């Protein structure tokens, strides 16, 4: 094979691979961006509730009640409040995992 054919073949392969990466990033970005709409289609009752004739519970009271239910290793990470009165609050809690690398000295 000549150098021109090798160059053309490499250019084709690298172009297809980079194009595949762009397509994958675009699709996953769209899924991430529209995750609320997708979740509402997949499980319709998870984001919206039937509104009642009650005042909304204050956020401070919700957070205080939340911390009585969970242990100290789980801090509140995300608390989303929507303007729509039919939308529910969204709360995300993740466990803190401490990672200690023995190769690096620890700060005292």
PDB file of N, CA and C in Angstrom:
ATOM      1  N   UNK A   1       0.838  -1.191   0.000  1.00  0.00           N
ATOM      2  CA  UNK A   1       0.000   0.000   0.000  1.00  0.00           C
ATOM      3  C   UNK A   1       0.878   1.247   0.000  1.00  0.00           C
ATOM      4  N   UNK A   2       0.394   2.238  -0.667  1.00  0.00           N
ATOM      5  CA  UNK A   2       1.155   3.474  -0.729  1.00  0.00           C
ATOM      6  C   UNK A   2       0.876   4.322   0.516  1.00  0.00           C
ATOM      7  N   UNK A   3       1.700   5.306   0.722  1.00  0.00           N
ATOM      8  CA  UNK A   3       1.562   6.181   1.884  1.00  0.00           C
ATOM      9  C   UNK A   3       0.244   6.964   1.815  1.00  0.00           C
ATOM     10  N   UNK A   4      -0.204   7.289   0.613  1.00  0.00           N
ATOM     11  CA  UNK A   4      -1.447   8.033   0.462  1.00  0.00           C
ATOM     12  C   UNK A   4      -2.643   7.183   0.902  1.00  0.00           C
ATOM     13  N   UNK A   5      -2.643   5.890   0.548  1.00  0.00           N
ATOM     14  CA  UNK A   5      -3.733   5.006   0.945  1.00  0.00           C
ATOM     15  C   UNK A   5      -3.723   4.770   2.458  1.00  0.00           C
ATOM     16  N   UNK A   6      -2.537   4.615   3.028  1.00  0.00           N
ATOM     17  CA  UNK A   6      -2.432   4.429   4.481  1.00  0.00           C
ATOM     18  C   UNK A   6      -2.951   5.680   5.203  1.00  0.00           C
ATOM     19  N   UNK A   7      -2.533   6.847   4.707  1.00  0.00           N
ATOM     20  CA  UNK A   7      -2.977   8.106   5.304  1.00  0.00           C
ATOM     21  C   UNK A   7      -4.498   8.251   5.189  1.00  0.00           C
ATOM     22  N   UNK A   8      -5.049   7.904   4.024  1.00  0.00           N
ATOM     23  CA  UNK A   8      -6.498   7.997   3.841  1.00  0.00           C
ATOM     24  C   UNK A   8      -7.240   7.028   4.766  1.00  0.00           C
ATOM     25  N   UNK A   9      -6.724   5.809   4.914  1.00  0.00           N
ATOM     26  CA  UNK A   9      -7.359   4.818   5.790  1.00  0.00           C
ATOM     27  C   UNK A   9      -7.306   5.264   7.249  1.00  0.00           C
ATOM     28  N   UNK A  10      -6.156   5.780   7.703  1.00  0.00           N
ATOM     29  CA  UNK A  10      -6.040   6.280   9.080  1.00  0.00           C
ATOM     30  C   UNK A  10      -6.967   7.465   9.310  1.00  0.00           C
ATOM     31  N   UNK A  11      -7.061   8.346   8.324  1.00  0.00           N
ATOM     32  CA  UNK A  11      -7.935   9.507   8.429  1.00  0.00           C
ATOM     33  C   UNK A  11      -9.398   9.059   8.538  1.00  0.00           C
ATOM     34  N   UNK A  12      -9.761   8.050   7.766  1.00  0.00           N
ATOM     35  CA  UNK A  12     -11.122   7.523   7.827  1.00  0.00           C
ATOM     36  C   UNK A  12     -11.419   6.909   9.194  1.00  0.00           C
ATOM     37  N   UNK A  13     -10.505   6.070   9.687  1.00  0.00           N
ATOM     38  CA  UNK A  13     -10.714   5.410  10.989  1.00  0.00           C
ATOM     39  C   UNK A  13     -10.785   6.418  12.122  1.00  0.00           C
ATOM     40  N   UNK A  14      -9.844   7.366  12.158  1.00  0.00           N
ATOM     41  CA  UNK A  14      -9.858   8.370  13.225  1.00  0.00           C
ATOM     42  C   UNK A  14     -11.075   9.278  13.128  1.00  0.00           C
ATOM     43  N   UNK A  15     -11.513   9.591  11.919  1.00  0.00           N
ATOM     44  CA  UNK A  15     -12.711  10.401  11.750  1.00  0.00           C
ATOM     45  C   UNK A  15     -13.959   9.677  12.226  1.00  0.00           C
ATOM     46  N   UNK A  16     -14.057   8.367  11.913  1.00  0.00           N
ATOM     47  CA  UNK A  16     -15.210   7.595  12.378  1.00  0.00           C
ATOM     48  C   UNK A  16     -15.214   7.460  13.899  1.00  0.00           C
ATOM     49  N   UNK A  17     -14.047   7.237  14.490  1.00  0.00           N
ATOM     50  CA  UNK A  17     -13.971   7.126  15.955  1.00  0.00           C
ATOM     51  C   UNK A  17     -14.329   8.442  16.640  1.00  0.00           C
ATOM     52  N   UNK A  18     -13.798   9.543  16.135  1.00  0.00           N
ATOM     53  CA  UNK A  18     -14.120  10.834  16.768  1.00  0.00           C
ATOM     54  C   UNK A  18     -15.585  11.196  16.532  1.00  0.00           C
ATOM     55  N   UNK A  19     -16.132  10.844  15.374  1.00  0.00           N
ATOM     56  CA  UNK A  19     -17.549  11.070  15.131  1.00  0.00           C
ATOM     57  C   UNK A  19     -18.420  10.250  16.059  1.00  0.00           C
ATOM     58  N   UNK A  20     -18.021   9.006  16.342  1.00  0.00           N
ATOM     59  CA  UNK A  20     -18.752   8.162  17.278  1.00  0.00           C
ATOM     60  C   UNK A  20     -18.721   8.759  18.683  1.00  0.00           C
ATOM     61  N   UNK A  21     -17.563   9.302  19.078  1.00  0.00           N
ATOM     62  CA  UNK A  21     -17.463   9.950  20.398  1.00  0.00           C
ATOM     63  C   UNK A  21     -18.391  11.151  20.481  1.00  0.00           C
ATOM     64  N   UNK A  22     -18.451  11.952  19.436  1.00  0.00           N
ATOM     65  CA  UNK A  22     -19.325  13.130  19.429  1.00  0.00           C
ATOM     66  C   UNK A  22     -20.789  12.702  19.523  1.00  0.00           C
ATOM     67  N   UNK A  23     -21.156  11.647  18.802  1.00  0.00           N
ATOM     68  CA  UNK A  23     -22.546  11.164  18.849  1.00  0.00           C
ATOM     69  C   UNK A  23     -22.892  10.658  20.245  1.00  0.00           C
ATOM     70  N   UNK A  24     -21.988   9.884  20.860  1.00  0.00           N
ATOM     71  CA  UNK A  24     -22.243   9.368  22.211  1.00  0.00           C
ATOM     72  C   UNK A  24     -22.364  10.508  23.211  1.00  0.00           C
ATOM     73  N   UNK A  25     -21.469  11.493  23.137  1.00  0.00           N
ATOM     74  CA  UNK A  25     -21.543  12.644  24.041  1.00  0.00           C
ATOM     75  C   UNK A  25     -22.823  13.442  23.820  1.00  0.00           C
ATOM     76  N   UNK A  26     -23.246  13.586  22.587  1.00  0.00           N
ATOM     77  CA  UNK A  26     -24.477  14.326  22.305  1.00  0.00           C
ATOM     78  C   UNK A  26     -25.692  13.606  22.867  1.00  0.00           C
ATOM     79  N   UNK A  27     -25.754  12.298  22.673  1.00  0.00           N
ATOM     80  CA  UNK A  27     -26.907  11.535  23.160  1.00  0.00           C
ATOM     81  C   UNK A  27     -26.962  11.553  24.680  1.00  0.00           C
ATOM     82  N   UNK A  28     -25.831  11.305  25.344  1.00  0.00           N
ATOM     83  CA  UNK A  28     -25.834  11.306  26.806  1.00  0.00           C
ATOM     84  C   UNK A  28     -26.086  12.704  27.358  1.00  0.00           C
ATOM     85  N   UNK A  29     -25.612  13.735  26.683  1.00  0.00           N
ATOM     86  CA  UNK A  29     -25.899  15.105  27.107  1.00  0.00           C
ATOM     87  C   UNK A  29     -27.380  15.434  27.001  1.00  0.00           C
ATOM     88  N   UNK A  30     -28.020  14.975  25.933  1.00  0.00           N
ATOM     89  CA  UNK A  30     -29.469  15.192  25.792  1.00  0.00           C
ATOM     90  C   UNK A  30     -30.241  14.437  26.863  1.00  0.00           C
ATOM     91  N   UNK A  31     -29.811  13.210  27.161  1.00  0.00           N
ATOM     92  CA  UNK A  31     -30.476  12.439  28.212  1.00  0.00           C
ATOM     93  C   UNK A  31     -30.332  13.148  29.551  1.00  0.00           C
ATOM     94  N   UNK A  32     -29.129  13.662  29.844  1.00  0.00           N
ATOM     95  CA  UNK A  32     -28.913  14.360  31.108  1.00  0.00           C
ATOM     96  C   UNK A  32     -29.722  15.651  31.170  1.00  0.00           C
ATOM     97  N   UNK A  33     -29.754  16.384  30.066  1.00  0.00           N
ATOM     98  CA  UNK A  33     -30.454  17.668  30.056  1.00  0.00           C
ATOM     99  C   UNK A  33     -31.965  17.492  30.233  1.00  0.00           C
ATOM    100  N   UNK A  34     -32.521  16.456  29.631  1.00  0.00           N
ATOM    101  CA  UNK A  34     -33.960  16.244  29.676  1.00  0.00           C
ATOM    102  C   UNK A  34     -34.336  15.107  30.623  1.00  0.00           C
ATOM    103  N   UNK A  35     -33.543  14.903  31.664  1.00  0.00           N
ATOM    104  CA  UNK A  35     -33.789  13.781  32.587  1.00  0.00           C
ATOM    105  C   UNK A  35     -35.118  13.920  33.324  1.00  0.00           C
ATOM    106  N   UNK A  36     -35.525  15.123  33.664  1.00  0.00           N
ATOM    107  CA  UNK A  36     -36.799  15.306  34.359  1.00  0.00           C
ATOM    108  C   UNK A  36     -37.976  14.956  33.446  1.00  0.00           C
ATOM    109  N   UNK A  37     -37.913  15.391  32.190  1.00  0.00           N
ATOM    110  CA  UNK A  37     -38.983  15.077  31.256  1.00  0.00           C
ATOM    111  C   UNK A  37     -39.015  13.578  30.964  1.00  0.00           C
ATOM    112  N   UNK A  38     -37.846  12.964  30.829  1.00  0.00           N
ATOM    113  CA  UNK A  38     -37.785  11.517  30.577  1.00  0.00           C
ATOM    114  C   UNK A  38     -38.315  10.757  31.779  1.00  0.00           C
ATOM    115  N   UNK A  39     -37.938  11.196  32.983  1.00  0.00           N
ATOM    116  CA  UNK A  39     -38.416  10.518  34.187  1.00  0.00           C
ATOM    117  C   UNK A  39     -39.935  10.661  34.312  1.00  0.00           C
ATOM    118  N   UNK A  40     -40.466  11.798  33.918  1.00  0.00           N
ATOM    119  CA  UNK A  40     -41.914  11.995  33.988  1.00  0.00           C
ATOM    120  C   UNK A  40     -42.642  11.091  32.986  1.00  0.00           C
ATOM    121  N   UNK A  41     -42.016  10.779  31.854  1.00  0.00           N
ATOM    122  CA  UNK A  41     -42.613   9.869  30.878  1.00  0.00           C
ATOM    123  C   UNK A  41     -42.507   8.427  31.362  1.00  0.00           C
ATOM    124  N   UNK A  42     -41.342   8.059  31.904  1.00  0.00           N
ATOM    125  CA  UNK A  42     -41.108   6.673  32.328  1.00  0.00           C
ATOM    126  C   UNK A  42     -41.919   6.333  33.577  1.00  0.00           C
ATOM    127  N   UNK A  43     -41.892   7.213  34.571  1.00  0.00           N
ATOM    128  CA  UNK A  43     -42.678   6.986  35.796  1.00  0.00           C
ATOM    129  C   UNK A  43     -43.455   8.262  36.099  1.00  0.00           C
ATOM    130  N   UNK A  44     -44.668   8.359  35.582  1.00  0.00           N
ATOM    131  CA  UNK A  44     -45.419   9.616  35.620  1.00  0.00           C
ATOM    132  C   UNK A  44     -45.720  10.179  37.009  1.00  0.00           C
ATOM    133  N   UNK A  45     -45.820   9.369  38.026  1.00  0.00           N
ATOM    134  CA  UNK A  45     -46.201   9.891  39.326  1.00  0.00           C
ATOM    135  C   UNK A  45     -45.051  10.265  40.227  1.00  0.00           C
ATOM    136  N   UNK A  46     -43.818  10.214  39.732  1.00  0.00           N
ATOM    137  CA  UNK A  46     -42.690  10.429  40.637  1.00  0.00           C
ATOM    138  C   UNK A  46     -42.348  11.892  40.863  1.00  0.00           C
ATOM    139  N   UNK A  47     -42.634  12.771  39.925  1.00  0.00           N
ATOM    140  CA  UNK A  47     -42.268  14.179  40.081  1.00  0.00           C
ATOM    141  C   UNK A  47     -43.420  15.073  40.507  1.00  0.00           C
ATOM    142  N   UNK A  48     -44.650  14.649  40.249  1.00  0.00           N
ATOM    143  CA  UNK A  48     -45.791  15.488  40.549  1.00  0.00           C
ATOM    144  C   UNK A  48     -46.739  14.764  41.494  1.00  0.00           C
ATOM    145  N   UNK A  49     -47.336  15.518  42.371  1.00  0.00           N
ATOM    146  CA  UNK A  49     -48.276  14.974  43.349  1.00  0.00           C
ATOM    147  C   UNK A  49     -49.609  15.692  43.184  1.00  0.00           C
ATOM    148  N   UNK A  50     -50.651  15.123  43.755  1.00  0.00           N
ATOM    149  CA  UNK A  50     -51.951  15.775  43.726  1.00  0.00           C
ATOM    150  C   UNK A  50     -51.955  16.894  44.763  1.00  0.00           C
ATOM    151  N   UNK A  51     -52.134  18.138  44.343  1.00  0.00           N
ATOM    152  CA  UNK A  51     -52.107  19.235  45.306  1.00  0.00           C
ATOM    153  C   UNK A  51     -53.286  19.155  46.281  1.00  0.00           C
ATOM    154  N   UNK A  52     -53.005  19.431  47.531  1.00  0.00           N
ATOM    155  CA  UNK A  52     -54.045  19.470  48.556  1.00  0.00           C
ATOM    156  C   UNK A  52     -54.247  20.914  48.987  1.00  0.00           C
ATOM    157  N   UNK A  53     -55.325  21.163  49.669  1.00  0.00           N
ATOM    158  CA  UNK A  53     -55.612  22.514  50.137  1.00  0.00           C
ATOM    159  C   UNK A  53     -54.890  22.779  51.452  1.00  0.00           C
ATOM    160  N   UNK A  54     -53.594  22.601  51.425  1.00  0.00           N
ATOM    161  CA  UNK A  54     -52.760  22.840  52.609  1.00  0.00           C
ATOM    162  C   UNK A  54     -51.609  23.745  52.196  1.00  0.00           C
ATOM    163  N   UNK A  55     -51.081  24.437  53.174  1.00  0.00           N
ATOM    164  CA  UNK A  55     -49.896  25.240  52.907  1.00  0.00           C
ATOM    165  C   UNK A  55     -48.696  24.308  52.769  1.00  0.00           C
ATOM    166  N   UNK A  56     -47.732  24.719  51.965  1.00  0.00           N
ATOM    167  CA  UNK A  56     -46.530  23.911  51.819  1.00  0.00           C
ATOM    168  C   UNK A  56     -45.743  23.928  53.125  1.00  0.00           C
ATOM    169  N   UNK A  57     -45.125  22.817  53.427  1.00  0.00           N
ATOM    170  CA  UNK A  57     -44.305  22.716  54.640  1.00  0.00           C
ATOM    171  C   UNK A  57     -43.044  23.542  54.426  1.00  0.00           C
ATOM    172  N   UNK A  58     -42.653  24.349  55.401  1.00  0.00           N
ATOM    173  CA  UNK A  58     -41.427  25.142  55.249  1.00  0.00           C
ATOM    174  C   UNK A  58     -40.209  24.239  55.062  1.00  0.00           C
ATOM    175  N   UNK A  59     -39.268  24.732  54.293  1.00  0.00           N
ATOM    176  CA  UNK A  59     -38.070  23.952  53.990  1.00  0.00           C
ATOM    177  C   UNK A  59     -37.283  23.645  55.257  1.00  0.00           C
ATOM    178  N   UNK A  60     -37.205  24.588  56.182  1.00  0.00           N
ATOM    179  CA  UNK A  60     -36.451  24.351  57.419  1.00  0.00           C
ATOM    180  C   UNK A  60     -37.042  23.171  58.193  1.00  0.00           C
ATOM    181  N   UNK A  61     -38.375  23.058  58.198  1.00  0.00           N
ATOM    182  CA  UNK A  61     -39.008  21.936  58.895  1.00  0.00           C
ATOM    183  C   UNK A  61     -38.779  20.611  58.170  1.00  0.00           C
ATOM    184  N   UNK A  62     -38.777  20.662  56.844  1.00  0.00           N
ATOM    185  CA  UNK A  62     -38.475  19.454  56.073  1.00  0.00           C
ATOM    186  C   UNK A  62     -37.059  18.962  56.329  1.00  0.00           C
ATOM    187  N   UNK A  63     -36.103  19.884  56.321  1.00  0.00           N
ATOM    188  CA  UNK A  63     -34.704  19.501  56.547  1.00  0.00           C
ATOM    189  C   UNK A  63     -34.510  18.990  57.961  1.00  0.00           C
ATOM    190  N   UNK A  64     -35.143  19.622  58.948  1.00  0.00           N
ATOM    191  CA  UNK A  64     -35.030  19.144  60.325  1.00  0.00           C
ATOM    192  C   UNK A  64     -35.611  17.734  60.454  1.00  0.00           C
ATOM    193  N   UNK A  65     -36.746  17.484  59.826  1.00  0.00           N
ATOM    194  CA  UNK A  65     -37.328  16.148  59.848  1.00  0.00           C
ATOM    195  C   UNK A  65     -36.475  15.135  59.110  1.00  0.00           C
ATOM    196  N   UNK A  66     -35.799  15.587  58.063  1.00  0.00           N
ATOM    197  CA  UNK A  66     -34.925  14.708  57.298  1.00  0.00           C
ATOM    198  C   UNK A  66     -33.751  14.246  58.144  1.00  0.00           C
ATOM    199  N   UNK A  67     -33.144  15.181  58.886  1.00  0.00           N
ATOM    200  CA  UNK A  67     -31.972  14.822  59.690  1.00  0.00           C
ATOM    201  C   UNK A  67     -32.334  13.939  60.882  1.00  0.00           C
ATOM    202  N   UNK A  68     -33.588  13.885  61.276  1.00  0.00           N
ATOM    203  CA  UNK A  68     -33.966  12.932  62.322  1.00  0.00           C
ATOM    204  C   UNK A  68     -34.097  11.522  61.754  1.00  0.00           C
ATOM    205  N   UNK A  69     -34.257  11.401  60.442  1.00  0.00           N
ATOM    206  CA  UNK A  69     -34.440  10.106  59.800  1.00  0.00           C
ATOM    207  C   UNK A  69     -33.141   9.471  59.325  1.00  0.00           C
ATOM    208  N   UNK A  70     -32.090  10.268  59.066  1.00  0.00           N
ATOM    209  CA  UNK A  70     -30.853   9.732  58.505  1.00  0.00           C
ATOM    210  C   UNK A  70     -29.718   9.883  59.498  1.00  0.00           C
ATOM    211  N   UNK A  71     -28.649   9.131  59.261  1.00  0.00           N
ATOM    212  CA  UNK A  71     -27.489   9.220  60.147  1.00  0.00           C
ATOM    213  C   UNK A  71     -26.584  10.372  59.720  1.00  0.00           C
ATOM    214  N   UNK A  72     -25.570  10.630  60.513  1.00  0.00           N
ATOM    215  CA  UNK A  72     -24.713  11.800  60.298  1.00  0.00           C
ATOM    216  C   UNK A  72     -23.819  11.668  59.073  1.00  0.00           C
ATOM    217  N   UNK A  73     -23.563  10.469  58.592  1.00  0.00           N
ATOM    218  CA  UNK A  73     -22.676  10.289  57.451  1.00  0.00           C
ATOM    219  C   UNK A  73     -23.310  10.591  56.110  1.00  0.00           C
ATOM    220  N   UNK A  74     -24.567  11.001  56.110  1.00  0.00           N
ATOM    221  CA  UNK A  74     -25.295  11.268  54.875  1.00  0.00           C
ATOM    222  C   UNK A  74     -25.727  12.732  54.830  1.00  0.00           C
ATOM    223  N   UNK A  75     -24.890  13.624  54.310  1.00  0.00           N
ATOM    224  CA  UNK A  75     -25.299  15.030  54.255  1.00  0.00           C
ATOM    225  C   UNK A  75     -26.279  15.292  53.116  1.00  0.00           C
ATOM    226  N   UNK A  76     -27.072  16.319  53.285  1.00  0.00           N
ATOM    227  CA  UNK A  76     -28.007  16.745  52.245  1.00  0.00           C
ATOM    228  C   UNK A  76     -27.196  17.313  51.091  1.00  0.00           C
ATOM    229  N   UNK A  77     -27.354  16.742  49.907  1.00  0.00           N
ATOM    230  CA  UNK A  77     -26.566  17.148  48.752  1.00  0.00           C
ATOM    231  C   UNK A  77     -27.356  18.051  47.821  1.00  0.00           C
ATOM    232  N   UNK A  78     -28.574  17.652  47.491  1.00  0.00           N
ATOM    233  CA  UNK A  78     -29.406  18.415  46.560  1.00  0.00           C
ATOM    234  C   UNK A  78     -30.808  18.556  47.151  1.00  0.00           C
ATOM    235  N   UNK A  79     -31.326  19.761  47.107  1.00  0.00           N
ATOM    236  CA  UNK A  79     -32.704  20.016  47.531  1.00  0.00           C
ATOM    237  C   UNK A  79     -33.322  20.909  46.472  1.00  0.00           C
ATOM    238  N   UNK A  80     -34.191  20.356  45.636  1.00  0.00           N
ATOM    239  CA  UNK A  80     -34.797  21.114  44.543  1.00  0.00           C
ATOM    240  C   UNK A  80     -36.242  21.470  44.893  1.00  0.00           C
ATOM    241  N   UNK A  81     -36.575  22.730  44.700  1.00  0.00           N
ATOM    242  CA  UNK A  81     -37.934  23.216  44.922  1.00  0.00           C
ATOM    243  C   UNK A  81     -38.422  23.795  43.596  1.00  0.00           C
ATOM    244  N   UNK A  82     -39.575  23.350  43.165  1.00  0.00           N
ATOM    245  CA  UNK A  82     -40.139  23.801  41.907  1.00  0.00           C
ATOM    246  C   UNK A  82     -41.199  24.877  42.167  1.00  0.00           C
ATOM    247  N   UNK A  83     -41.404  25.737  41.199  1.00  0.00           N
ATOM    248  CA  UNK A  83     -42.442  26.769  41.309  1.00  0.00           C
ATOM    249  C   UNK A  83     -43.835  26.189  41.156  1.00  0.00           C
ATOM    250  N   UNK A  84     -43.948  25.084  40.462  1.00  0.00           N
ATOM    251  CA  UNK A  84     -45.241  24.437  40.245  1.00  0.00           C
ATOM    252  C   UNK A  84     -45.727  23.835  41.559  1.00  0.00           C
ATOM    253  N   UNK A  85     -46.958  24.167  41.954  1.00  0.00           N
ATOM    254  CA  UNK A  85     -47.476  23.671  43.238  1.00  0.00           C
ATOM    255  C   UNK A  85     -47.747  22.180  43.207  1.00  0.00           C
ATOM    256  N   UNK A  86     -47.876  21.595  42.022  1.00  0.00           N
ATOM    257  CA  UNK A  86     -48.111  20.154  41.918  1.00  0.00           C
ATOM    258  C   UNK A  86     -46.814  19.361  41.922  1.00  0.00           C
ATOM    259  N   UNK A  87     -45.680  20.043  41.795  1.00  0.00           N
ATOM    260  CA  UNK A  87     -44.395  19.340  41.768  1.00  0.00           C
ATOM    261  C   UNK A  87     -43.935  19.039  43.186  1.00  0.00           C
ATOM    262  N   UNK A  88     -43.340  17.886  43.352  1.00  0.00           N
ATOM    263  CA  UNK A  88     -42.848  17.501  44.673  1.00  0.00           C
ATOM    264  C   UNK A  88     -41.426  18.029  44.865  1.00  0.00           C
ATOM    265  N   UNK A  89     -40.993  18.086  46.122  1.00  0.00           N
ATOM    266  CA  UNK A  89     -39.606  18.434  46.398  1.00  0.00           C
ATOM    267  C   UNK A  89     -38.734  17.263  45.986  1.00  0.00           C
ATOM    268  N   UNK A  90     -37.507  17.547  45.592  1.00  0.00           N
ATOM    269  CA  UNK A  90     -36.562  16.478  45.286  1.00  0.00           C
ATOM    270  C   UNK A  90     -35.370  16.621  46.226  1.00  0.00           C
ATOM    271  N   UNK A  91     -35.071  15.538  46.917  1.00  0.00           N
ATOM    272  CA  UNK A  91     -33.994  15.539  47.893  1.00  0.00           C
ATOM    273  C   UNK A  91     -33.006  14.442  47.523  1.00  0.00           C
ATOM    274  N   UNK A  92     -31.728  14.772  47.470  1.00  0.00           N
ATOM    275  CA  UNK A  92     -30.687  13.775  47.210  1.00  0.00           C
ATOM    276  C   UNK A  92     -29.713  13.763  48.377  1.00  0.00           C
ATOM    277  N   UNK A  93     -29.408  12.568  48.839  1.00  0.00           N
ATOM    278  CA  UNK A  93     -28.504  12.378  49.956  1.00  0.00           C
ATOM    279  C   UNK A  93     -27.483  11.325  49.546  1.00  0.00           C
ATOM    280  N   UNK A  94     -26.211  11.633  49.697  1.00  0.00           N
ATOM    281  CA  UNK A  94     -25.168  10.687  49.343  1.00  0.00           C
ATOM    282  C   UNK A  94     -24.284  10.434  50.553  1.00  0.00           C
ATOM    283  N   UNK A  95     -23.881   9.210  50.719  1.00  0.00           N
ATOM    284  CA  UNK A  95     -23.006   8.864  51.828  1.00  0.00           C
ATOM    285  C   UNK A  95     -21.602   9.386  51.550  1.00  0.00           C
ATOM    286  N   UNK A  96     -20.965   9.946  52.577  1.00  0.00           N
ATOM    287  CA  UNK A  96     -19.597  10.419  52.458  1.00  0.00           C
ATOM    288  C   UNK A  96     -18.666   9.230  52.674  1.00  0.00           C
ATOM    289  N   UNK A  97     -17.814   8.993  51.712  1.00  0.00           N
ATOM    290  CA  UNK A  97     -16.827   7.923  51.822  1.00  0.00           C
ATOM    291  C   UNK A  97     -15.464   8.583  51.865  1.00  0.00           C
ATOM    292  N   UNK A  98     -14.760   8.384  52.958  1.00  0.00           N
ATOM    293  CA  UNK A  98     -13.436   8.968  53.080  1.00  0.00           C
ATOM    294  C   UNK A  98     -12.426   8.037  52.446  1.00  0.00           C
ATOM    295  N   UNK A  99     -11.623   8.596  51.568  1.00  0.00           N
ATOM    296  CA  UNK A  99     -10.590   7.833  50.895  1.00  0.00           C
ATOM    297  C   UNK A  99      -9.244   8.363  51.356  1.00  0.00           C
ATOM    298  N   UNK A 100      -8.433   7.491  51.874  1.00  0.00           N
ATOM    299  CA  UNK A 100      -7.108   7.879  52.341  1.00  0.00           C
ATOM    300  C   UNK A 100      -6.094   7.134  51.495  1.00  0.00           C
ATOM    301  N   UNK A 101      -5.239   7.893  50.818  1.00  0.00           N
ATOM    302  CA  UNK A 101      -4.184   7.295  49.996  1.00  0.00           C
ATOM    303  C   UNK A 101      -2.914   7.250  50.834  1.00  0.00           C
ATOM    304  N   UNK A 102      -2.385   6.062  51.029  1.00  0.00           N
ATOM    305  CA  UNK A 102      -1.206   5.906  51.887  1.00  0.00           C
ATOM    306  C   UNK A 102       0.050   6.446  51.224  1.00  0.00           C
ATOM    307  N   UNK A 103       0.000   6.749  49.928  1.00  0.00           N
ATOM    308  CA  UNK A 103       1.178   7.273  49.230  1.00  0.00           C
ATOM    309  C   UNK A 103       1.390   8.761  49.495  1.00  0.00           C
ATOM    310  N   UNK A 104       0.385   9.453  50.003  1.00  0.00           N
ATOM    311  CA  UNK A 104       0.491  10.871  50.245  1.00  0.00           C
ATOM    312  C   UNK A 104       0.410  11.140  51.747  1.00  0.00           C
ATOM    313  N   UNK A 105       1.241  12.055  52.244  1.00  0.00           N
ATOM    314  CA  UNK A 105       1.156  12.375  53.672  1.00  0.00           C
ATOM    315  C   UNK A 105      -0.143  13.101  53.989  1.00  0.00           C
ATOM    316  N   UNK A 106      -0.701  12.814  55.152  1.00  0.00           N
ATOM    317  CA  UNK A 106      -1.954  13.423  55.570  1.00  0.00           C
ATOM    318  C   UNK A 106      -1.695  14.757  56.253  1.00  0.00           C
ATOM    319  N   UNK A 107      -2.577  15.702  56.065  1.00  0.00           N
ATOM    320  CA  UNK A 107      -2.462  17.007  56.723  1.00  0.00           C
ATOM    321  C   UNK A 107      -2.829  16.838  58.201  1.00  0.00           C
ATOM    322  N   UNK A 108      -2.117  17.517  59.029  1.00  0.00           N
ATOM    323  CA  UNK A 108      -2.370  17.436  60.475  1.00  0.00           C
ATOM    324  C   UNK A 108      -2.990  18.713  60.959  1.00  0.00           C
TER     325      UNK A 108
END
